[in-house]
N, C-alpha and C. Protein backbone atom coordinates (compact mmCIF):
# COMPACT_ATOMS: atom_id res chain seq x y z
N MET A 1 19.62 -0.17 -28.86
CA MET A 1 18.65 -1.51 -28.28
C MET A 1 17.04 -1.61 -28.15
N ILE A 2 16.91 -0.05 -27.58
CA ILE A 2 16.00 -0.36 -27.43
C ILE A 2 14.82 0.33 -29.10
N SER A 3 15.00 0.46 -29.91
CA SER A 3 14.84 0.42 -31.32
C SER A 3 14.71 -0.73 -31.76
N LYS A 4 15.32 -1.70 -31.97
CA LYS A 4 15.02 -3.58 -31.77
C LYS A 4 13.94 -3.53 -30.49
N ARG A 5 13.70 -3.51 -29.76
CA ARG A 5 12.93 -3.80 -28.59
C ARG A 5 11.49 -3.48 -29.39
N VAL A 6 11.33 -1.85 -29.77
CA VAL A 6 10.10 -1.71 -30.55
C VAL A 6 9.59 -1.90 -31.36
N LEU A 7 10.83 -2.58 -32.48
CA LEU A 7 10.23 -3.03 -33.91
C LEU A 7 9.77 -4.90 -33.38
N ILE A 8 10.49 -5.26 -32.50
CA ILE A 8 10.03 -6.72 -32.09
C ILE A 8 8.78 -6.75 -32.07
N CYS A 9 8.16 -5.49 -31.21
CA CYS A 9 6.81 -5.40 -30.33
C CYS A 9 5.59 -4.94 -31.62
N ARG A 10 6.27 -4.53 -32.66
CA ARG A 10 5.44 -4.03 -33.36
C ARG A 10 4.94 -5.39 -34.70
N ARG A 11 6.34 -6.17 -34.56
CA ARG A 11 5.80 -6.99 -35.01
C ARG A 11 5.35 -8.32 -34.49
N SER A 12 5.62 -8.61 -32.95
CA SER A 12 4.83 -8.95 -32.24
C SER A 12 3.41 -9.16 -31.90
N GLY A 13 3.22 -7.96 -32.14
CA GLY A 13 1.78 -7.33 -31.47
C GLY A 13 1.36 -6.81 -29.89
N PRO A 14 0.43 -6.11 -29.66
CA PRO A 14 0.11 -5.53 -28.25
C PRO A 14 0.76 -6.62 -26.87
N ALA A 15 0.72 -7.96 -27.44
CA ALA A 15 0.97 -9.23 -25.94
C ALA A 15 2.54 -8.39 -25.62
N ALA A 16 3.29 -8.86 -26.63
CA ALA A 16 4.62 -8.37 -26.47
C ALA A 16 4.88 -7.35 -26.23
N LEU A 17 4.61 -6.69 -26.54
CA LEU A 17 4.51 -4.32 -26.00
C LEU A 17 4.06 -4.56 -24.42
N LEU A 18 3.61 -5.78 -24.26
CA LEU A 18 3.31 -5.92 -22.61
C LEU A 18 4.27 -6.71 -21.99
N VAL A 19 4.82 -7.79 -22.36
CA VAL A 19 5.87 -8.89 -21.90
C VAL A 19 6.92 -7.67 -22.07
N VAL A 20 7.60 -7.02 -23.10
CA VAL A 20 8.27 -5.83 -22.89
C VAL A 20 8.64 -5.05 -21.70
N ALA A 21 7.55 -4.11 -21.70
CA ALA A 21 7.04 -3.33 -20.84
C ALA A 21 7.26 -3.78 -19.19
N ALA A 22 6.63 -4.94 -18.70
CA ALA A 22 6.91 -5.62 -17.71
C ALA A 22 7.99 -6.05 -17.20
N VAL A 23 9.19 -6.48 -18.08
CA VAL A 23 10.60 -6.96 -18.21
C VAL A 23 11.27 -5.42 -17.47
N LEU A 24 11.31 -4.66 -18.82
CA LEU A 24 11.83 -3.47 -18.20
C LEU A 24 11.33 -2.56 -16.93
N SER A 25 10.40 -3.07 -16.28
CA SER A 25 9.61 -2.47 -15.37
C SER A 25 9.92 -3.52 -14.10
N LEU A 26 10.61 -4.38 -13.98
CA LEU A 26 10.73 -5.09 -12.86
C LEU A 26 11.86 -4.99 -12.16
N PRO A 27 12.79 -4.36 -12.84
CA PRO A 27 13.98 -4.25 -11.96
C PRO A 27 13.74 -2.81 -10.70
N LEU A 28 12.47 -1.56 -11.52
CA LEU A 28 11.58 -0.57 -10.44
C LEU A 28 11.23 -1.50 -9.58
N LEU A 29 10.25 -2.19 -9.72
CA LEU A 29 9.34 -3.14 -8.74
C LEU A 29 10.22 -3.71 -7.39
N ILE A 30 11.27 -4.46 -8.10
CA ILE A 30 11.70 -4.92 -7.12
C ILE A 30 12.74 -4.17 -6.13
N ALA A 31 12.87 -3.06 -6.46
CA ALA A 31 13.61 -1.90 -5.71
C ALA A 31 12.49 -1.35 -4.96
N ALA A 32 11.31 -1.12 -5.04
CA ALA A 32 10.44 -0.57 -4.83
C ALA A 32 10.02 -1.20 -3.72
N ALA A 33 9.74 -2.60 -3.83
CA ALA A 33 9.10 -3.90 -2.98
C ALA A 33 10.51 -3.81 -1.73
N ALA A 34 11.47 -3.89 -2.28
CA ALA A 34 12.66 -3.97 -0.96
C ALA A 34 13.36 -2.87 -0.01
N ALA A 35 12.61 -1.59 -0.64
CA ALA A 35 12.91 -0.25 -0.01
C ALA A 35 11.86 -0.58 0.99
N LYS A 36 10.72 -1.28 1.10
CA LYS A 36 9.68 -1.28 1.97
C LYS A 36 10.11 -2.45 3.34
N ASP A 37 10.96 -2.98 3.01
CA ASP A 37 11.70 -4.19 3.70
C ASP A 37 13.18 -3.85 4.60
N THR A 38 12.84 -2.26 4.61
CA THR A 38 13.88 -1.84 5.81
C THR A 38 14.37 -1.96 6.50
N GLY A 39 12.89 -1.75 7.56
CA GLY A 39 13.07 -1.46 9.14
C GLY A 39 12.09 -2.32 9.94
N PRO A 40 12.63 -2.52 11.02
CA PRO A 40 13.36 -1.19 11.87
C PRO A 40 14.72 -1.44 11.21
N ILE A 41 15.76 -0.35 11.36
CA ILE A 41 16.82 -0.29 10.77
C ILE A 41 17.60 -1.07 12.03
N ASP A 42 17.50 -0.87 13.44
CA ASP A 42 17.80 -1.57 14.29
C ASP A 42 18.67 -2.87 14.09
N GLN A 43 20.03 -3.30 14.23
CA GLN A 43 20.33 -4.24 13.69
C GLN A 43 20.13 -5.92 14.93
N ARG A 44 19.60 -5.26 15.82
CA ARG A 44 19.53 -6.52 16.88
C ARG A 44 18.07 -6.64 16.75
N CYS A 45 17.07 -6.25 15.93
CA CYS A 45 15.95 -6.51 15.25
C CYS A 45 15.85 -7.23 13.85
N ASP A 46 17.17 -7.14 13.24
CA ASP A 46 17.03 -7.74 11.85
C ASP A 46 16.85 -9.65 12.17
N GLY A 47 17.51 -9.75 13.06
CA GLY A 47 18.15 -11.27 13.09
C GLY A 47 16.06 -12.27 12.89
N PHE A 48 15.51 -11.33 13.65
CA PHE A 48 14.22 -11.97 13.99
C PHE A 48 12.87 -11.92 12.76
N ALA A 49 12.11 -12.92 12.85
CA ALA A 49 11.36 -12.92 11.54
C ALA A 49 10.25 -11.46 11.34
N LYS A 50 10.15 -10.65 10.51
CA LYS A 50 9.00 -9.49 10.83
C LYS A 50 8.16 -10.20 11.50
N ALA A 51 7.48 -9.10 12.40
CA ALA A 51 6.16 -9.55 12.97
C ALA A 51 5.87 -10.64 13.95
N GLY A 52 7.03 -11.26 13.82
CA GLY A 52 6.64 -12.70 15.22
C GLY A 52 7.16 -11.97 16.51
N PRO A 53 7.28 -12.76 17.33
CA PRO A 53 7.03 -12.37 18.61
C PRO A 53 8.49 -11.64 19.18
N GLU A 54 9.65 -12.11 19.27
CA GLU A 54 11.22 -11.78 18.85
C GLU A 54 10.97 -10.25 18.74
N TRP A 55 10.51 -10.28 17.16
CA TRP A 55 10.76 -9.20 16.58
C TRP A 55 9.92 -8.06 17.31
N THR A 56 8.51 -8.19 17.54
CA THR A 56 7.86 -7.38 18.27
C THR A 56 8.52 -7.26 19.26
N ARG A 57 9.08 -7.73 20.42
CA ARG A 57 9.23 -7.42 21.44
C ARG A 57 10.96 -6.57 21.19
N CYS A 58 11.33 -6.99 20.38
CA CYS A 58 12.49 -6.08 19.91
C CYS A 58 12.17 -4.58 19.59
N VAL A 59 11.44 -4.46 18.76
CA VAL A 59 11.02 -3.20 18.01
C VAL A 59 10.58 -2.10 19.41
N GLU A 60 9.55 -3.23 20.04
CA GLU A 60 8.95 -2.11 21.24
C GLU A 60 10.44 -1.22 22.35
N ASN A 61 11.23 -2.29 22.30
CA ASN A 61 12.19 -2.46 23.21
C ASN A 61 13.19 -1.09 22.44
N HIS A 62 13.20 -1.13 20.84
CA HIS A 62 14.62 -0.39 19.97
C HIS A 62 14.26 0.61 19.35
N ALA A 63 12.84 0.63 18.87
CA ALA A 63 12.59 1.41 17.52
C ALA A 63 12.06 2.54 18.00
N THR A 64 13.04 3.81 18.15
CA THR A 64 12.84 5.35 18.20
C THR A 64 12.53 6.12 17.59
N SER A 65 12.69 5.94 16.02
CA SER A 65 13.05 6.93 15.17
C SER A 65 11.73 6.60 14.79
N ASP A 66 10.77 8.05 14.03
CA ASP A 66 9.73 7.91 13.06
C ASP A 66 9.93 6.59 12.06
N SER A 67 11.28 6.52 11.42
CA SER A 67 11.14 5.44 10.45
C SER A 67 10.88 4.24 11.29
N GLU A 68 12.03 4.13 12.10
CA GLU A 68 11.88 2.82 12.96
C GLU A 68 10.01 2.48 12.93
N LEU A 69 9.42 3.58 13.43
CA LEU A 69 8.30 3.25 14.53
C LEU A 69 7.62 2.82 12.75
N PHE A 70 7.52 3.70 11.78
CA PHE A 70 7.07 3.21 10.60
C PHE A 70 6.72 2.23 10.06
N TYR A 71 8.07 1.72 9.67
CA TYR A 71 8.16 0.41 9.22
C TYR A 71 7.85 -0.82 10.09
N ALA A 72 8.10 -1.29 11.69
CA ALA A 72 7.55 -2.38 12.34
C ALA A 72 6.12 -1.87 12.25
N GLY A 73 5.13 -0.59 12.64
CA GLY A 73 3.83 -0.41 11.99
C GLY A 73 3.60 -0.97 11.07
N TYR A 74 3.89 -0.78 9.80
CA TYR A 74 3.95 -1.12 8.28
C TYR A 74 3.79 -2.84 8.49
N TRP A 75 5.06 -3.42 8.79
CA TRP A 75 5.04 -4.68 9.00
C TRP A 75 4.37 -5.63 9.92
N LEU A 76 3.76 -5.06 10.69
CA LEU A 76 2.30 -5.43 11.62
C LEU A 76 1.39 -5.52 11.57
N ALA A 77 1.28 -4.04 10.63
CA ALA A 77 -0.08 -4.53 9.82
C ALA A 77 -0.02 -5.29 8.86
N LYS A 78 0.23 -5.15 7.97
CA LYS A 78 0.50 -6.29 6.96
C LYS A 78 0.69 -7.98 7.35
N SER A 79 0.93 -7.99 8.60
CA SER A 79 1.11 -9.67 9.05
C SER A 79 -0.35 -9.48 9.83
N GLY A 80 -1.58 -8.47 10.00
CA GLY A 80 -2.34 -8.97 10.74
C GLY A 80 -2.67 -8.73 11.46
N ALA A 81 -1.50 -8.08 12.55
CA ALA A 81 -1.62 -7.99 14.01
C ALA A 81 -2.06 -6.03 14.22
N TYR A 82 -3.32 -6.19 14.13
CA TYR A 82 -3.34 -4.20 13.30
C TYR A 82 -3.46 -3.80 15.29
N ARG A 83 -3.91 -4.37 16.00
CA ARG A 83 -4.01 -3.39 17.74
C ARG A 83 -2.22 -3.29 17.62
N GLU A 84 -1.51 -4.23 17.73
CA GLU A 84 0.19 -4.15 17.84
C GLU A 84 0.74 -2.80 16.51
N ALA A 85 -0.12 -2.78 15.33
CA ALA A 85 0.72 -1.89 14.43
C ALA A 85 0.43 -0.99 14.86
N LEU A 86 -0.74 0.08 15.52
CA LEU A 86 -1.46 0.62 16.00
C LEU A 86 -0.54 1.23 17.07
N ALA A 87 0.07 0.32 17.97
CA ALA A 87 0.67 1.27 19.20
C ALA A 87 2.02 1.57 18.64
N GLN A 88 2.34 0.71 17.53
CA GLN A 88 3.87 1.84 16.95
C GLN A 88 3.57 2.78 15.83
N LEU A 89 2.74 2.79 15.04
CA LEU A 89 2.18 4.04 14.38
C LEU A 89 1.87 5.41 15.16
N GLU A 90 1.26 4.76 16.51
CA GLU A 90 0.84 6.01 16.82
C GLU A 90 1.92 6.93 17.63
N ARG A 91 3.29 5.90 18.23
CA ARG A 91 4.18 6.98 18.51
C ARG A 91 5.03 7.36 17.79
N VAL A 92 4.56 7.50 16.74
CA VAL A 92 5.42 8.28 15.35
C VAL A 92 5.15 9.57 15.93
N ALA A 93 6.15 10.83 16.17
CA ALA A 93 6.14 11.90 16.55
C ALA A 93 5.40 12.89 15.52
N ASN A 94 5.77 12.81 14.42
CA ASN A 94 5.84 13.68 13.14
C ASN A 94 5.39 12.44 11.55
N PRO A 95 3.81 12.00 11.85
CA PRO A 95 2.88 11.23 10.83
C PRO A 95 2.81 11.78 9.70
N ASP A 96 3.54 11.16 8.84
CA ASP A 96 3.35 11.87 7.44
C ASP A 96 2.53 10.74 6.77
N PRO A 97 2.10 11.02 5.43
CA PRO A 97 0.62 10.21 4.65
C PRO A 97 0.92 8.81 4.94
N ARG A 98 2.38 8.34 4.49
CA ARG A 98 2.23 6.92 4.72
C ARG A 98 2.06 6.55 6.43
N VAL A 99 2.53 7.13 7.39
CA VAL A 99 1.73 6.32 9.05
C VAL A 99 0.52 6.63 9.25
N LEU A 100 -0.31 7.93 8.55
CA LEU A 100 -1.52 8.14 8.40
C LEU A 100 -2.34 6.84 7.65
N THR A 101 -1.68 6.64 6.26
CA THR A 101 -2.68 5.81 5.65
C THR A 101 -2.59 4.55 6.20
N TYR A 102 -1.72 4.05 6.92
CA TYR A 102 -1.54 2.59 7.82
C TYR A 102 -1.96 2.35 9.14
N ILE A 103 -1.84 4.00 9.69
CA ILE A 103 -3.18 4.11 10.84
C ILE A 103 -4.93 3.68 10.48
N GLY A 104 -5.50 4.03 9.53
CA GLY A 104 -6.02 4.52 8.72
C GLY A 104 -6.49 2.39 8.00
N PHE A 105 -5.59 2.06 7.84
CA PHE A 105 -5.26 0.71 7.09
C PHE A 105 -6.03 -0.15 8.41
N SER A 106 -5.05 0.05 9.53
CA SER A 106 -5.42 -0.98 10.55
C SER A 106 -6.66 -0.70 11.21
N TRP A 107 -6.97 0.47 11.74
CA TRP A 107 -8.48 0.16 12.30
C TRP A 107 -9.75 -0.12 11.03
N ARG A 108 -9.48 0.13 9.34
CA ARG A 108 -10.21 -0.68 8.70
C ARG A 108 -10.29 -1.99 8.90
N LYS A 109 -9.19 -2.36 8.93
CA LYS A 109 -9.21 -4.10 9.16
C LYS A 109 -9.60 -4.64 11.15
N LEU A 110 -9.55 -3.63 11.46
CA LEU A 110 -10.31 -3.68 13.04
C LEU A 110 -11.60 -3.54 12.95
N ASP A 111 -12.33 -3.45 11.79
CA ASP A 111 -13.90 -2.79 11.33
C ASP A 111 -14.21 -1.50 12.02
N ASP A 112 -13.08 -0.35 12.50
CA ASP A 112 -13.54 1.00 12.84
C ASP A 112 -13.89 1.57 11.55
N TYR A 113 -14.42 1.87 10.76
CA TYR A 113 -14.55 2.52 9.38
C TYR A 113 -14.85 3.90 9.79
N ASP A 114 -15.34 4.75 11.11
CA ASP A 114 -15.08 5.97 11.26
C ASP A 114 -13.88 6.36 11.14
N ARG A 115 -13.07 5.94 11.93
CA ARG A 115 -11.56 5.81 12.44
C ARG A 115 -10.68 5.86 11.00
N ALA A 116 -10.70 4.98 10.78
CA ALA A 116 -10.12 4.71 9.47
C ALA A 116 -10.21 5.69 8.24
N LEU A 117 -11.52 6.12 8.13
CA LEU A 117 -12.12 6.98 7.00
C LEU A 117 -11.22 8.49 7.35
N THR A 118 -11.51 8.95 8.53
CA THR A 118 -10.67 9.89 9.56
C THR A 118 -8.91 10.20 9.33
N TYR A 119 -8.00 8.74 9.23
CA TYR A 119 -7.07 9.08 8.67
C TYR A 119 -7.09 8.66 7.56
N TYR A 120 -7.67 8.00 6.63
CA TYR A 120 -6.96 7.94 5.14
C TYR A 120 -7.32 9.77 4.80
N GLY A 121 -8.46 10.44 5.13
CA GLY A 121 -8.58 11.83 4.88
C GLY A 121 -7.58 12.47 5.37
N ARG A 122 -7.32 12.36 6.24
CA ARG A 122 -5.76 12.92 6.92
C ARG A 122 -4.91 12.93 6.11
N ALA A 123 -4.79 11.76 5.78
CA ALA A 123 -3.67 11.42 4.85
C ALA A 123 -3.62 12.51 3.40
N LEU A 124 -4.56 12.12 2.82
CA LEU A 124 -5.02 12.80 1.24
C LEU A 124 -4.76 14.70 1.81
N ALA A 125 -5.09 14.65 2.86
CA ALA A 125 -5.12 15.86 3.15
C ALA A 125 -4.14 16.50 2.29
N ALA A 126 -2.89 15.90 4.10
CA ALA A 126 -1.14 16.16 3.52
C ALA A 126 -0.85 16.07 1.85
N ASP A 127 -1.38 15.08 1.68
CA ASP A 127 -0.59 14.65 -0.07
C ASP A 127 -1.87 14.02 -0.37
N PRO A 128 -2.29 15.13 -1.31
CA PRO A 128 -3.58 14.31 -2.52
C PRO A 128 -2.96 13.54 -3.75
N ASP A 129 -1.46 13.11 -3.74
CA ASP A 129 -1.47 12.56 -4.65
C ASP A 129 -0.62 11.52 -4.36
N PHE A 130 -1.07 10.63 -3.24
CA PHE A 130 -0.76 9.57 -2.57
C PHE A 130 -1.82 8.17 -2.91
N SER A 131 -1.14 7.77 -3.79
CA SER A 131 -2.61 6.76 -4.06
C SER A 131 -2.37 5.74 -3.39
N VAL A 132 -1.51 5.05 -2.76
CA VAL A 132 -1.67 4.31 -1.67
C VAL A 132 -2.70 4.43 -0.71
N ALA A 133 -2.67 5.98 0.18
CA ALA A 133 -4.22 6.09 1.23
C ALA A 133 -5.29 5.90 0.19
N ARG A 134 -5.48 6.34 -1.41
CA ARG A 134 -7.02 6.23 -2.43
C ARG A 134 -7.61 5.26 -2.47
N ALA A 135 -6.02 4.28 -2.65
CA ALA A 135 -6.50 2.86 -3.00
C ALA A 135 -7.07 2.35 -1.38
N TYR A 136 -6.64 2.53 -0.54
CA TYR A 136 -7.05 1.72 0.66
C TYR A 136 -8.54 2.35 0.88
N LEU A 137 -8.86 4.03 0.83
CA LEU A 137 -9.80 4.51 0.66
C LEU A 137 -11.06 3.73 -0.03
N GLY A 138 -10.95 3.47 -1.18
CA GLY A 138 -11.58 2.59 -2.12
C GLY A 138 -12.16 1.36 -1.55
N GLU A 139 -11.30 0.79 -1.03
CA GLU A 139 -11.13 -0.29 -0.73
C GLU A 139 -12.43 -0.43 0.59
N ALA A 140 -11.73 0.52 1.34
CA ALA A 140 -13.15 1.10 2.87
C ALA A 140 -14.54 1.33 2.26
N TYR A 141 -14.44 2.22 1.27
CA TYR A 141 -15.97 2.51 0.48
C TYR A 141 -16.80 1.09 -0.06
N LEU A 142 -16.13 0.46 -0.80
CA LEU A 142 -16.34 -1.23 -0.68
C LEU A 142 -16.93 -1.91 0.00
N ALA A 143 -16.28 -1.84 1.27
CA ALA A 143 -16.51 -2.56 2.32
C ALA A 143 -17.82 -1.71 2.91
N LEU A 144 -17.93 -0.59 2.80
CA LEU A 144 -19.12 0.25 3.29
C LEU A 144 -20.33 -0.37 1.78
N ASP A 145 -20.47 -0.72 1.09
CA ASP A 145 -21.20 -0.69 0.30
C ASP A 145 -21.52 0.25 -0.82
N ASP A 146 -20.56 1.29 -0.78
CA ASP A 146 -20.85 2.54 -1.64
C ASP A 146 -19.77 2.06 -3.12
N PRO A 147 -19.51 1.69 -3.79
CA PRO A 147 -18.94 1.06 -4.93
C PRO A 147 -18.91 2.37 -5.69
N ALA A 148 -19.80 3.58 -5.66
CA ALA A 148 -19.43 4.65 -6.47
C ALA A 148 -18.51 5.69 -5.70
N ARG A 149 -18.35 5.50 -4.72
CA ARG A 149 -17.27 6.14 -4.07
C ARG A 149 -16.01 5.79 -4.26
N ALA A 150 -15.58 4.37 -4.41
CA ALA A 150 -14.79 3.62 -4.75
C ALA A 150 -14.28 3.68 -6.46
N HIS A 151 -15.22 3.90 -7.32
CA HIS A 151 -15.03 4.40 -8.62
C HIS A 151 -14.48 5.82 -8.37
N VAL A 152 -14.76 6.71 -7.20
CA VAL A 152 -14.23 7.74 -8.07
C VAL A 152 -13.01 7.80 -7.56
N GLU A 153 -12.11 7.08 -6.50
CA GLU A 153 -11.07 7.31 -6.14
C GLU A 153 -10.13 6.55 -6.86
N LEU A 154 -10.50 5.68 -7.88
CA LEU A 154 -10.13 4.59 -8.63
C LEU A 154 -9.71 5.84 -9.81
N GLY A 155 -10.75 6.61 -10.08
CA GLY A 155 -10.36 7.87 -11.40
C GLY A 155 -9.15 8.69 -10.57
N GLU A 156 -9.50 9.25 -9.22
CA GLU A 156 -8.55 9.60 -8.62
C GLU A 156 -7.19 9.60 -9.25
N ILE A 157 -6.68 8.00 -9.01
CA ILE A 157 -5.78 7.13 -9.16
C ILE A 157 -4.94 7.00 -10.47
N ARG A 158 -6.21 7.01 -11.41
CA ARG A 158 -6.12 6.91 -12.65
C ARG A 158 -5.18 8.37 -13.08
N SER A 159 -5.99 9.42 -13.09
CA SER A 159 -5.45 10.63 -13.47
C SER A 159 -4.04 11.25 -12.84
N ARG A 160 -3.57 10.56 -11.38
CA ARG A 160 -2.29 10.88 -10.68
C ARG A 160 -1.59 10.09 -11.17
N CYS A 161 -1.79 8.92 -11.38
CA CYS A 161 -0.31 8.12 -12.03
C CYS A 161 -0.75 7.07 -12.92
N GLY A 162 -2.26 7.24 -12.91
CA GLY A 162 -2.06 5.89 -14.62
C GLY A 162 -2.59 4.84 -14.38
N PRO A 163 -3.32 4.50 -15.01
CA PRO A 163 -3.60 3.15 -15.42
C PRO A 163 -2.60 1.63 -15.07
N GLY A 164 -1.18 1.97 -15.04
CA GLY A 164 -0.09 0.90 -14.97
C GLY A 164 0.04 1.23 -13.83
N CYS A 165 -0.38 2.25 -12.58
CA CYS A 165 0.07 2.36 -11.46
C CYS A 165 -0.44 1.60 -10.47
N ILE A 166 0.55 0.74 -9.61
CA ILE A 166 0.00 -0.76 -8.49
C ILE A 166 -0.89 -0.54 -7.92
N GLU A 167 -1.40 0.65 -7.45
CA GLU A 167 -2.39 0.78 -6.52
C GLU A 167 -3.91 1.08 -7.44
N TYR A 168 -3.33 1.25 -8.64
CA TYR A 168 -4.68 1.69 -9.56
C TYR A 168 -5.66 0.11 -10.17
N ALA A 169 -4.22 -1.06 -10.17
CA ALA A 169 -4.62 -2.45 -10.64
C ALA A 169 -5.60 -3.05 -9.49
N GLU A 170 -4.28 -2.28 -7.83
CA GLU A 170 -5.44 -3.31 -7.08
C GLU A 170 -6.56 -2.90 -6.93
N LEU A 171 -6.90 -1.84 -6.68
CA LEU A 171 -8.24 -1.21 -6.22
C LEU A 171 -9.27 -1.75 -7.38
N ALA A 172 -8.72 -1.64 -9.20
CA ALA A 172 -9.86 -2.43 -10.11
C ALA A 172 -9.69 -3.91 -9.92
N GLY A 173 -9.32 -4.32 -8.95
CA GLY A 173 -9.78 -5.72 -8.77
C GLY A 173 -10.35 -5.81 -7.85
N HIS A 174 -10.37 -4.98 -6.80
CA HIS A 174 -11.01 -4.60 -5.41
C HIS A 174 -12.34 -4.79 -6.22
N ILE A 175 -12.71 -3.93 -6.81
CA ILE A 175 -13.92 -3.38 -7.79
C ILE A 175 -14.50 -4.18 -8.10
N GLN A 176 -13.30 -5.06 -9.41
CA GLN A 176 -14.08 -6.19 -10.26
C GLN A 176 -14.76 -7.52 -9.13
N SER A 177 -14.11 -7.41 -8.15
CA SER A 177 -14.34 -8.62 -7.17
C SER A 177 -15.48 -8.27 -6.38
N TYR A 178 -16.06 -6.86 -6.08
CA TYR A 178 -17.15 -6.52 -5.25
C TYR A 178 -18.07 -6.93 -6.59
N LYS A 179 -18.45 -6.33 -8.10
CA LYS A 179 -18.85 -6.79 -8.84
C LYS A 179 -19.57 -8.24 -8.66
N ALA A 180 -18.68 -9.01 -8.81
CA ALA A 180 -18.54 -10.22 -9.37
C ALA A 180 -19.55 -10.73 -7.57
N ARG A 181 -18.93 -10.16 -6.57
CA ARG A 181 -19.89 -10.94 -5.57
C ARG A 181 -21.64 -10.20 -5.46
N SER A 182 -21.29 -9.00 -5.46
CA SER A 182 -22.67 -8.48 -5.82
C SER A 182 -23.56 -9.24 -6.76
N LYS A 183 -23.24 -9.91 -7.48
CA LYS A 183 -24.01 -10.73 -9.19
C LYS A 183 -24.64 -11.65 -8.35
N LEU A 184 -23.88 -12.52 -6.98
CA LEU A 184 -24.61 -13.72 -6.32
C LEU A 184 -25.95 -13.75 -6.18
């Protein structure tokens, strides 16, 4: 079956190869996205809309494990409730690179770049290959008008997970947008 796909791609050109690669990787991307959407684990909170007021109250009362606290903080940060996200993420007893990254993310969104850079640095000290932290660090550098350092992070992401990595594509897009805004 794979040989037929390769043969089809050879006949159809590079665009067809990209389509086949995208189709083949779709189940992995869906699984990765679904993996983030698992918390908090407490069944009492699952019936509420993530980051809504009822969900937030439920999480504050019932999330206790580091995993539950991370997911609560993650969803609050992604929904724009940065101070509330910090309240959950800072309750994590053993912060890992994911937790440190989303603490940095929340501080960056609150325009506290010194704290954001500190937390991204801690995340990368714990795991230099954590490309999510590198991508957000690159975004922080762009916000600080330091595109050269953002390019360094893009290169680090490329060397660690390649140009097909989601974080690489996202940071490359932010750099492109920064360049376009700079030309105005």
